[in-house]
Amino acid sequence: MNDSIDQMITENIKNEIETSGKSKTEIAKAIGVSKSTVSQYLSGRAQPTLATLSKLCRVLDCSADDILGIK
C-alpha cells in the first residue's frame, strides 16, 4: 500500500478513536485484539485486517469510508 494512504488511514483511525471517547483497552477487548495492537494501529506500525476494520467501525460507530478516506 502507498505510504500516504497508510498515513491517512492511521490519522483517520486516531480521529475516530479520539471522537469515540473510548479507551484503547475498551476498543481492543471489543474487537478481539490486544491493547498493543490498537497502539500499533495508532502509531502506523500496523493496519487492521478487513475483518478487524469491520469490527472497529462497529465499535467506533463510524463507516469504513470514514477510516479509508472515501468520499
Protein backbone atom coordinates (compact mmCIF):
# COMPACT_ATOMS: atom_id res chain seq x y z
CA MET A 1 0.00 0.00 0.00
CA ASN A 2 1.06 3.58 -0.57
CA ASP A 3 2.70 5.30 2.44
CA SER A 4 0.47 8.37 2.16
CA ILE A 5 -2.63 6.16 2.17
CA ASP A 6 -1.32 4.29 5.22
CA GLN A 7 -0.72 7.62 6.98
CA MET A 8 -4.20 8.85 6.12
CA ILE A 9 -5.78 5.64 7.45
CA THR A 10 -3.73 5.92 10.64
CA GLU A 11 -4.84 9.53 11.15
CA ASN A 12 -8.47 8.63 10.47
CA ILE A 13 -8.33 5.77 12.99
CA LYS A 14 -6.80 8.15 15.57
CA ASN A 15 -9.53 10.72 14.96
CA GLU A 16 -12.34 8.18 15.22
CA ILE A 17 -10.93 6.74 18.46
CA GLU A 18 -10.50 10.21 19.98
CA THR A 19 -14.04 11.16 18.97
CA SER A 20 -15.46 7.96 20.45
CA GLY A 21 -14.12 8.70 23.92
CA LYS A 22 -13.32 5.01 24.34
CA SER A 23 -10.02 3.76 25.73
CA LYS A 24 -7.58 1.60 23.81
CA THR A 25 -8.33 -1.18 26.28
CA GLU A 26 -12.09 -0.99 25.66
CA ILE A 27 -11.60 -0.96 21.91
CA ALA A 28 -9.09 -3.83 21.97
CA LYS A 29 -11.43 -6.00 24.03
CA ALA A 30 -14.41 -5.21 21.78
CA ILE A 31 -12.60 -6.05 18.53
CA GLY A 32 -10.65 -9.03 19.84
CA VAL A 33 -7.08 -7.74 19.66
CA SER A 34 -4.52 -6.73 22.26
CA LYS A 35 -4.13 -3.18 23.53
CA SER A 36 -0.66 -3.15 21.94
CA THR A 37 -2.22 -3.95 18.56
CA VAL A 38 -4.51 -0.93 18.91
CA SER A 39 -1.41 1.11 19.79
CA GLN A 40 0.24 -0.17 16.60
CA TYR A 41 -2.79 1.00 14.59
CA LEU A 42 -2.46 4.44 16.21
CA SER A 43 1.27 4.70 15.53
CA GLY A 44 1.00 3.46 11.94
CA ARG A 45 3.14 0.37 12.56
CA ALA A 46 0.20 -1.86 11.64
CA GLN A 47 -3.11 -1.63 9.79
CA PRO A 48 -6.23 -3.60 10.74
CA THR A 49 -7.34 -6.51 8.57
CA LEU A 50 -10.66 -6.09 6.78
CA ALA A 51 -12.41 -8.23 9.40
CA THR A 52 -10.90 -6.14 12.21
CA LEU A 53 -11.70 -2.91 10.38
CA SER A 54 -15.33 -4.00 10.22
CA LYS A 55 -15.39 -4.63 13.98
CA LEU A 56 -13.57 -1.36 14.62
CA CYS A 57 -16.18 0.56 12.63
CA ARG A 58 -19.00 -1.03 14.62
CA VAL A 59 -17.32 -0.24 17.95
CA LEU A 60 -16.49 3.33 16.94
CA ASP A 61 -19.88 3.86 15.25
CA CYS A 62 -18.31 5.04 12.01
CA SER A 63 -18.18 3.81 8.45
CA ALA A 64 -15.23 2.17 6.71
CA ASP A 65 -15.46 5.08 4.26
CA ASP A 66 -14.59 7.42 7.15
CA ILE A 67 -11.47 5.44 8.04
CA LEU A 68 -10.42 4.74 4.46
CA GLY A 69 -10.97 8.36 3.42
CA ILE A 70 -13.52 7.54 0.74
CA LYS A 71 -15.74 10.47 -0.10
